[in-house]
Amino acid sequence: MTATLKVNARNDLHLPAKLLRHLNLGKDRILRVEAKGNALILLPVDLEPRYSQEELDGLDRLHADEKKKGWIRLETGKDIDRLLS
């Protein structure tokens, strides 16, 4: 299957719905792009969760406890790891 795409003013590409259905790609799917010569290759990326649901629930409880002491900011994975240790 082939499609002709146009890069818009914001450097976005619009992938046609028919192509997305053909590749079984949906909303918020992450793709890796590789440049090979004069071609772009888009590859779906399957992400594995970094934290278990149990860890996320614990983080919610820790964050709620910390908020009672005063507002805290979580900006990076290191901030989350610090709370989980």
PDB file of N, CA and C in Angstrom:
ATOM      1  N   MET A   1       0.850  -1.176   0.000  1.00  0.00           N
ATOM      2  CA  MET A   1       0.000   0.000   0.000  1.00  0.00           C
ATOM      3  C   MET A   1       0.892   1.234   0.000  1.00  0.00           C
ATOM      4  N   THR A   2       0.573   2.197  -0.790  1.00  0.00           N
ATOM      5  CA  THR A   2       1.336   3.449  -0.827  1.00  0.00           C
ATOM      6  C   THR A   2       0.391   4.612  -0.626  1.00  0.00           C
ATOM      7  N   ALA A   3       0.953   5.727  -0.166  1.00  0.00           N
ATOM      8  CA  ALA A   3       0.183   6.956   0.029  1.00  0.00           C
ATOM      9  C   ALA A   3       1.109   8.131  -0.241  1.00  0.00           C
ATOM     10  N   THR A   4       0.555   9.220  -0.709  1.00  0.00           N
ATOM     11  CA  THR A   4       1.311  10.448  -0.898  1.00  0.00           C
ATOM     12  C   THR A   4       0.954  11.386   0.237  1.00  0.00           C
ATOM     13  N   LEU A   5       1.972  11.849   0.946  1.00  0.00           N
ATOM     14  CA  LEU A   5       1.770  12.714   2.105  1.00  0.00           C
ATOM     15  C   LEU A   5       2.385  14.075   1.854  1.00  0.00           C
ATOM     16  N   LYS A   6       1.861  15.071   2.553  1.00  0.00           N
ATOM     17  CA  LYS A   6       2.375  16.433   2.450  1.00  0.00           C
ATOM     18  C   LYS A   6       2.743  16.917   3.848  1.00  0.00           C
ATOM     19  N   VAL A   7       3.927  17.491   3.990  1.00  0.00           N
ATOM     20  CA  VAL A   7       4.347  18.074   5.262  1.00  0.00           C
ATOM     21  C   VAL A   7       3.681  19.442   5.366  1.00  0.00           C
ATOM     22  N   ASN A   8       2.975  19.696   6.490  1.00  0.00           N
ATOM     23  CA  ASN A   8       2.294  20.987   6.625  1.00  0.00           C
ATOM     24  C   ASN A   8       3.228  22.037   7.240  1.00  0.00           C
ATOM     25  N   ALA A   9       2.714  23.217   7.495  1.00  0.00           N
ATOM     26  CA  ALA A   9       3.517  24.330   8.009  1.00  0.00           C
ATOM     27  C   ALA A   9       4.118  24.041   9.384  1.00  0.00           C
ATOM     28  N   ARG A  10       3.506  23.128  10.139  1.00  0.00           N
ATOM     29  CA  ARG A  10       4.029  22.774  11.469  1.00  0.00           C
ATOM     30  C   ARG A  10       4.908  21.521  11.409  1.00  0.00           C
ATOM     31  N   ASN A  11       5.304  21.123  10.201  1.00  0.00           N
ATOM     32  CA  ASN A  11       6.134  19.932   9.974  1.00  0.00           C
ATOM     33  C   ASN A  11       5.439  18.639  10.387  1.00  0.00           C
ATOM     34  N   ASP A  12       4.110  18.611  10.307  1.00  0.00           N
ATOM     35  CA  ASP A  12       3.331  17.421  10.627  1.00  0.00           C
ATOM     36  C   ASP A  12       3.020  16.649   9.348  1.00  0.00           C
ATOM     37  N   LEU A  13       2.898  15.347   9.499  1.00  0.00           N
ATOM     38  CA  LEU A  13       2.426  14.490   8.416  1.00  0.00           C
ATOM     39  C   LEU A  13       1.075  13.928   8.815  1.00  0.00           C
ATOM     40  N   HIS A  14       0.164  13.872   7.891  1.00  0.00           N
ATOM     41  CA  HIS A  14      -1.146  13.262   8.135  1.00  0.00           C
ATOM     42  C   HIS A  14      -1.145  11.901   7.458  1.00  0.00           C
ATOM     43  N   LEU A  15      -1.339  10.843   8.245  1.00  0.00           N
ATOM     44  CA  LEU A  15      -1.410   9.496   7.690  1.00  0.00           C
ATOM     45  C   LEU A  15      -2.870   9.154   7.429  1.00  0.00           C
ATOM     46  N   PRO A  16      -3.195   8.752   6.223  1.00  0.00           N
ATOM     47  CA  PRO A  16      -4.591   8.447   5.891  1.00  0.00           C
ATOM     48  C   PRO A  16      -5.154   7.312   6.752  1.00  0.00           C
ATOM     49  N   ALA A  17      -6.441   7.422   7.086  1.00  0.00           N
ATOM     50  CA  ALA A  17      -7.111   6.436   7.936  1.00  0.00           C
ATOM     51  C   ALA A  17      -7.009   5.036   7.347  1.00  0.00           C
ATOM     52  N   LYS A  18      -7.111   4.909   6.050  1.00  0.00           N
ATOM     53  CA  LYS A  18      -7.031   3.595   5.407  1.00  0.00           C
ATOM     54  C   LYS A  18      -5.666   2.953   5.674  1.00  0.00           C
ATOM     55  N   LEU A  19      -4.614   3.734   5.631  1.00  0.00           N
ATOM     56  CA  LEU A  19      -3.267   3.238   5.894  1.00  0.00           C
ATOM     57  C   LEU A  19      -3.120   2.848   7.367  1.00  0.00           C
ATOM     58  N   LEU A  20      -3.664   3.678   8.264  1.00  0.00           N
ATOM     59  CA  LEU A  20      -3.601   3.367   9.694  1.00  0.00           C
ATOM     60  C   LEU A  20      -4.345   2.078  10.015  1.00  0.00           C
ATOM     61  N   ARG A  21      -5.516   1.900   9.417  1.00  0.00           N
ATOM     62  CA  ARG A  21      -6.282   0.664   9.628  1.00  0.00           C
ATOM     63  C   ARG A  21      -5.512  -0.542   9.091  1.00  0.00           C
ATOM     64  N   HIS A  22      -4.913  -0.365   7.914  1.00  0.00           N
ATOM     65  CA  HIS A  22      -4.144  -1.450   7.307  1.00  0.00           C
ATOM     66  C   HIS A  22      -2.993  -1.896   8.206  1.00  0.00           C
ATOM     67  N   LEU A  23      -2.367  -0.945   8.909  1.00  0.00           N
ATOM     68  CA  LEU A  23      -1.232  -1.240   9.785  1.00  0.00           C
ATOM     69  C   LEU A  23      -1.653  -1.471  11.232  1.00  0.00           C
ATOM     70  N   ASN A  24      -2.961  -1.398  11.491  1.00  0.00           N
ATOM     71  CA  ASN A  24      -3.495  -1.576  12.842  1.00  0.00           C
ATOM     72  C   ASN A  24      -2.876  -0.569  13.830  1.00  0.00           C
ATOM     73  N   LEU A  25      -2.805   0.679  13.402  1.00  0.00           N
ATOM     74  CA  LEU A  25      -2.279   1.750  14.251  1.00  0.00           C
ATOM     75  C   LEU A  25      -3.425   2.635  14.690  1.00  0.00           C
ATOM     76  N   GLY A  26      -3.425   3.007  15.958  1.00  0.00           N
ATOM     77  CA  GLY A  26      -4.488   3.849  16.484  1.00  0.00           C
ATOM     78  C   GLY A  26      -3.947   5.102  17.142  1.00  0.00           C
ATOM     79  N   LYS A  27      -4.859   5.829  17.754  1.00  0.00           N
ATOM     80  CA  LYS A  27      -4.542   7.077  18.440  1.00  0.00           C
ATOM     81  C   LYS A  27      -3.452   6.865  19.503  1.00  0.00           C
ATOM     82  N   ASP A  28      -2.540   7.799  19.579  1.00  0.00           N
ATOM     83  CA  ASP A  28      -1.462   7.820  20.571  1.00  0.00           C
ATOM     84  C   ASP A  28      -0.441   6.691  20.395  1.00  0.00           C
ATOM     85  N   ARG A  29      -0.466   6.000  19.276  1.00  0.00           N
ATOM     86  CA  ARG A  29       0.532   4.948  19.023  1.00  0.00           C
ATOM     87  C   ARG A  29       1.870   5.629  18.750  1.00  0.00           C
ATOM     88  N   ILE A  30       2.932   5.083  19.251  1.00  0.00           N
ATOM     89  CA  ILE A  30       4.265   5.656  19.086  1.00  0.00           C
ATOM     90  C   ILE A  30       4.975   4.933  17.953  1.00  0.00           C
ATOM     91  N   LEU A  31       5.594   5.721  17.082  1.00  0.00           N
ATOM     92  CA  LEU A  31       6.336   5.186  15.954  1.00  0.00           C
ATOM     93  C   LEU A  31       7.779   5.682  16.018  1.00  0.00           C
ATOM     94  N   ARG A  32       8.693   4.818  15.612  1.00  0.00           N
ATOM     95  CA  ARG A  32      10.087   5.220  15.470  1.00  0.00           C
ATOM     96  C   ARG A  32      10.319   5.425  13.978  1.00  0.00           C
ATOM     97  N   VAL A  33      11.076   6.463  13.640  1.00  0.00           N
ATOM     98  CA  VAL A  33      11.360   6.718  12.230  1.00  0.00           C
ATOM     99  C   VAL A  33      12.850   6.505  11.978  1.00  0.00           C
ATOM    100  N   GLU A  34      13.143   5.820  10.901  1.00  0.00           N
ATOM    101  CA  GLU A  34      14.519   5.608  10.481  1.00  0.00           C
ATOM    102  C   GLU A  34      14.680   6.188   9.087  1.00  0.00           C
ATOM    103  N   ALA A  35      15.787   6.873   8.868  1.00  0.00           N
ATOM    104  CA  ALA A  35      16.118   7.377   7.537  1.00  0.00           C
ATOM    105  C   ALA A  35      17.113   6.413   6.914  1.00  0.00           C
ATOM    106  N   LYS A  36      16.749   5.840   5.788  1.00  0.00           N
ATOM    107  CA  LYS A  36      17.640   4.937   5.046  1.00  0.00           C
ATOM    108  C   LYS A  36      17.751   5.486   3.636  1.00  0.00           C
ATOM    109  N   GLY A  37      18.902   6.089   3.380  1.00  0.00           N
ATOM    110  CA  GLY A  37      19.080   6.716   2.075  1.00  0.00           C
ATOM    111  C   GLY A  37      18.069   7.826   1.905  1.00  0.00           C
ATOM    112  N   ASN A  38      17.257   7.722   0.880  1.00  0.00           N
ATOM    113  CA  ASN A  38      16.246   8.739   0.589  1.00  0.00           C
ATOM    114  C   ASN A  38      14.859   8.299   1.052  1.00  0.00           C
ATOM    115  N   ALA A  39      14.801   7.301   1.957  1.00  0.00           N
ATOM    116  CA  ALA A  39      13.522   6.760   2.402  1.00  0.00           C
ATOM    117  C   ALA A  39      13.359   6.917   3.909  1.00  0.00           C
ATOM    118  N   LEU A  40      12.131   7.082   4.339  1.00  0.00           N
ATOM    119  CA  LEU A  40      11.790   7.088   5.759  1.00  0.00           C
ATOM    120  C   LEU A  40      11.051   5.797   6.063  1.00  0.00           C
ATOM    121  N   ILE A  41      11.451   5.143   7.140  1.00  0.00           N
ATOM    122  CA  ILE A  41      10.796   3.911   7.556  1.00  0.00           C
ATOM    123  C   ILE A  41      10.173   4.160   8.921  1.00  0.00           C
ATOM    124  N   LEU A  42       8.857   3.982   9.028  1.00  0.00           N
ATOM    125  CA  LEU A  42       8.129   4.153  10.282  1.00  0.00           C
ATOM    126  C   LEU A  42       7.889   2.783  10.895  1.00  0.00           C
ATOM    127  N   LEU A  43       8.307   2.624  12.154  1.00  0.00           N
ATOM    128  CA  LEU A  43       8.172   1.348  12.843  1.00  0.00           C
ATOM    129  C   LEU A  43       7.403   1.530  14.142  1.00  0.00           C
ATOM    130  N   PRO A  44       6.315   0.775  14.361  1.00  0.00           N
ATOM    131  CA  PRO A  44       5.591   0.871  15.630  1.00  0.00           C
ATOM    132  C   PRO A  44       6.497   0.460  16.785  1.00  0.00           C
ATOM    133  N   VAL A  45       6.359   1.160  17.888  1.00  0.00           N
ATOM    134  CA  VAL A  45       7.137   0.863  19.091  1.00  0.00           C
ATOM    135  C   VAL A  45       6.170   0.353  20.153  1.00  0.00           C
ATOM    136  N   ASP A  46       6.483  -0.808  20.707  1.00  0.00           N
ATOM    137  CA  ASP A  46       5.692  -1.337  21.809  1.00  0.00           C
ATOM    138  C   ASP A  46       6.423  -1.007  23.100  1.00  0.00           C
ATOM    139  N   LEU A  47       5.826  -0.151  23.908  1.00  0.00           N
ATOM    140  CA  LEU A  47       6.440   0.268  25.155  1.00  0.00           C
ATOM    141  C   LEU A  47       6.024  -0.663  26.278  1.00  0.00           C
ATOM    142  N   GLU A  48       6.986  -1.036  27.083  1.00  0.00           N
ATOM    143  CA  GLU A  48       6.670  -1.825  28.269  1.00  0.00           C
ATOM    144  C   GLU A  48       6.539  -0.865  29.443  1.00  0.00           C
ATOM    145  N   PRO A  49       5.562  -1.082  30.302  1.00  0.00           N
ATOM    146  CA  PRO A  49       5.380  -0.185  31.436  1.00  0.00           C
ATOM    147  C   PRO A  49       6.625  -0.165  32.326  1.00  0.00           C
ATOM    148  N   ARG A  50       6.987   1.030  32.774  1.00  0.00           N
ATOM    149  CA  ARG A  50       8.148   1.183  33.654  1.00  0.00           C
ATOM    150  C   ARG A  50       7.815   0.781  35.080  1.00  0.00           C
ATOM    151  N   TYR A  51       6.571   1.042  35.484  1.00  0.00           N
ATOM    152  CA  TYR A  51       6.138   0.763  36.854  1.00  0.00           C
ATOM    153  C   TYR A  51       4.931  -0.155  36.829  1.00  0.00           C
ATOM    154  N   SER A  52       4.835  -1.031  37.815  1.00  0.00           N
ATOM    155  CA  SER A  52       3.665  -1.906  37.933  1.00  0.00           C
ATOM    156  C   SER A  52       2.490  -1.081  38.455  1.00  0.00           C
ATOM    157  N   GLN A  53       1.299  -1.637  38.337  1.00  0.00           N
ATOM    158  CA  GLN A  53       0.117  -0.937  38.856  1.00  0.00           C
ATOM    159  C   GLN A  53       0.218  -0.766  40.367  1.00  0.00           C
ATOM    160  N   GLU A  54       0.784  -1.746  41.045  1.00  0.00           N
ATOM    161  CA  GLU A  54       0.973  -1.657  42.495  1.00  0.00           C
ATOM    162  C   GLU A  54       1.895  -0.485  42.854  1.00  0.00           C
ATOM    163  N   GLU A  55       2.972  -0.315  42.083  1.00  0.00           N
ATOM    164  CA  GLU A  55       3.883   0.807  42.332  1.00  0.00           C
ATOM    165  C   GLU A  55       3.193   2.144  42.060  1.00  0.00           C
ATOM    166  N   LEU A  56       2.393   2.202  41.008  1.00  0.00           N
ATOM    167  CA  LEU A  56       1.679   3.443  40.689  1.00  0.00           C
ATOM    168  C   LEU A  56       0.668   3.792  41.771  1.00  0.00           C
ATOM    169  N   ASP A  57      -0.029   2.774  42.292  1.00  0.00           N
ATOM    170  CA  ASP A  57      -0.975   3.021  43.380  1.00  0.00           C
ATOM    171  C   ASP A  57      -0.239   3.530  44.620  1.00  0.00           C
ATOM    172  N   GLY A  58       0.921   2.912  44.916  1.00  0.00           N
ATOM    173  CA  GLY A  58       1.731   3.365  46.044  1.00  0.00           C
ATOM    174  C   GLY A  58       2.212   4.785  45.843  1.00  0.00           C
ATOM    175  N   LEU A  59       2.576   5.114  44.616  1.00  0.00           N
ATOM    176  CA  LEU A  59       3.016   6.473  44.304  1.00  0.00           C
ATOM    177  C   LEU A  59       1.893   7.476  44.549  1.00  0.00           C
ATOM    178  N   ASP A  60       0.675   7.109  44.159  1.00  0.00           N
ATOM    179  CA  ASP A  60      -0.472   7.991  44.410  1.00  0.00           C
ATOM    180  C   ASP A  60      -0.630   8.261  45.900  1.00  0.00           C
ATOM    181  N   ARG A  61      -0.486   7.209  46.708  1.00  0.00           N
ATOM    182  CA  ARG A  61      -0.606   7.391  48.168  1.00  0.00           C
ATOM    183  C   ARG A  61       0.534   8.254  48.710  1.00  0.00           C
ATOM    184  N   LEU A  62       1.757   7.989  48.261  1.00  0.00           N
ATOM    185  CA  LEU A  62       2.906   8.791  48.708  1.00  0.00           C
ATOM    186  C   LEU A  62       2.746  10.251  48.322  1.00  0.00           C
ATOM    187  N   HIS A  63       2.301  10.461  47.089  1.00  0.00           N
ATOM    188  CA  HIS A  63       2.134  11.830  46.605  1.00  0.00           C
ATOM    189  C   HIS A  63       1.074  12.561  47.423  1.00  0.00           C
ATOM    190  N   ALA A  64      -0.017  11.871  47.748  1.00  0.00           N
ATOM    191  CA  ALA A  64      -1.072  12.481  48.570  1.00  0.00           C
ATOM    192  C   ALA A  64      -0.534  12.844  49.951  1.00  0.00           C
ATOM    193  N   ASP A  65       0.284  11.959  50.537  1.00  0.00           N
ATOM    194  CA  ASP A  65       0.885  12.247  51.846  1.00  0.00           C
ATOM    195  C   ASP A  65       1.817  13.454  51.774  1.00  0.00           C
ATOM    196  N   GLU A  66       2.621  13.517  50.715  1.00  0.00           N
ATOM    197  CA  GLU A  66       3.554  14.631  50.559  1.00  0.00           C
ATOM    198  C   GLU A  66       2.811  15.944  50.335  1.00  0.00           C
ATOM    199  N   LYS A  67       1.698  15.898  49.593  1.00  0.00           N
ATOM    200  CA  LYS A  67       0.926  17.112  49.335  1.00  0.00           C
ATOM    201  C   LYS A  67       0.361  17.691  50.628  1.00  0.00           C
ATOM    202  N   LYS A  68       0.035  16.809  51.591  1.00  0.00           N
ATOM    203  CA  LYS A  68      -0.477  17.304  52.868  1.00  0.00           C
ATOM    204  C   LYS A  68       0.574  18.139  53.582  1.00  0.00           C
ATOM    205  N   LYS A  69       1.840  17.812  53.358  1.00  0.00           N
ATOM    206  CA  LYS A  69       2.940  18.560  53.983  1.00  0.00           C
ATOM    207  C   LYS A  69       3.235  19.846  53.232  1.00  0.00           C
ATOM    208  N   GLY A  70       2.790  19.958  52.029  1.00  0.00           N
ATOM    209  CA  GLY A  70       3.053  21.110  51.173  1.00  0.00           C
ATOM    210  C   GLY A  70       3.143  20.642  49.742  1.00  0.00           C
ATOM    211  N   TRP A  71       2.964  21.548  48.799  1.00  0.00           N
ATOM    212  CA  TRP A  71       2.928  21.194  47.385  1.00  0.00           C
ATOM    213  C   TRP A  71       4.284  20.666  46.941  1.00  0.00           C
ATOM    214  N   ILE A  72       4.277  19.545  46.218  1.00  0.00           N
ATOM    215  CA  ILE A  72       5.522  19.009  45.664  1.00  0.00           C
ATOM    216  C   ILE A  72       5.378  18.887  44.148  1.00  0.00           C
ATOM    217  N   ARG A  73       6.498  18.884  43.484  1.00  0.00           N
ATOM    218  CA  ARG A  73       6.497  18.851  42.032  1.00  0.00           C
ATOM    219  C   ARG A  73       7.150  17.561  41.541  1.00  0.00           C
ATOM    220  N   LEU A  74       6.475  16.863  40.659  1.00  0.00           N
ATOM    221  CA  LEU A  74       7.029  15.676  40.019  1.00  0.00           C
ATOM    222  C   LEU A  74       7.200  15.988  38.538  1.00  0.00           C
ATOM    223  N   GLU A  75       8.453  16.145  38.118  1.00  0.00           N
ATOM    224  CA  GLU A  75       8.700  16.513  36.727  1.00  0.00           C
ATOM    225  C   GLU A  75       9.410  15.425  35.937  1.00  0.00           C
ATOM    226  N   THR A  76      10.169  14.577  36.602  1.00  0.00           N
ATOM    227  CA  THR A  76      10.951  13.593  35.878  1.00  0.00           C
ATOM    228  C   THR A  76      10.775  12.213  36.504  1.00  0.00           C
ATOM    229  N   GLY A  77      11.250  11.216  35.782  1.00  0.00           N
ATOM    230  CA  GLY A  77      11.238   9.866  36.324  1.00  0.00           C
ATOM    231  C   GLY A  77      12.069   9.769  37.583  1.00  0.00           C
ATOM    232  N   LYS A  78      13.120  10.592  37.692  1.00  0.00           N
ATOM    233  CA  LYS A  78      13.959  10.581  38.904  1.00  0.00           C
ATOM    234  C   LYS A  78      13.146  11.029  40.109  1.00  0.00           C
ATOM    235  N   ASP A  79      12.255  12.008  39.921  1.00  0.00           N
ATOM    236  CA  ASP A  79      11.392  12.448  41.030  1.00  0.00           C
ATOM    237  C   ASP A  79      10.499  11.304  41.495  1.00  0.00           C
ATOM    238  N   ILE A  80       9.974  10.542  40.545  1.00  0.00           N
ATOM    239  CA  ILE A  80       9.116   9.412  40.889  1.00  0.00           C
ATOM    240  C   ILE A  80       9.938   8.335  41.572  1.00  0.00           C
ATOM    241  N   ASP A  81      11.115   8.024  41.014  1.00  0.00           N
ATOM    242  CA  ASP A  81      11.977   7.002  41.628  1.00  0.00           C
ATOM    243  C   ASP A  81      12.334   7.388  43.069  1.00  0.00           C
ATOM    244  N   ARG A  82      12.556   8.679  43.321  1.00  0.00           N
ATOM    245  CA  ARG A  82      12.899   9.153  44.664  1.00  0.00           C
ATOM    246  C   ARG A  82      11.755   8.864  45.629  1.00  0.00           C
ATOM    247  N   LEU A  83      10.526   9.093  45.196  1.00  0.00           N
ATOM    248  CA  LEU A  83       9.370   8.837  46.050  1.00  0.00           C
ATOM    249  C   LEU A  83       9.164   7.336  46.291  1.00  0.00           C
ATOM    250  N   LEU A  84       9.506   6.525  45.305  1.00  0.00           N
ATOM    251  CA  LEU A  84       9.309   5.087  45.438  1.00  0.00           C
ATOM    252  C   LEU A  84      10.387   4.405  46.262  1.00  0.00           C
ATOM    253  N   SER A  85      11.547   5.077  46.453  1.00  0.00           N
ATOM    254  CA  SER A  85      12.635   4.434  47.231  1.00  0.00           C
ATOM    255  C   SER A  85      12.402   4.530  48.699  1.00  0.00           C
TER     256      SER A  85
END
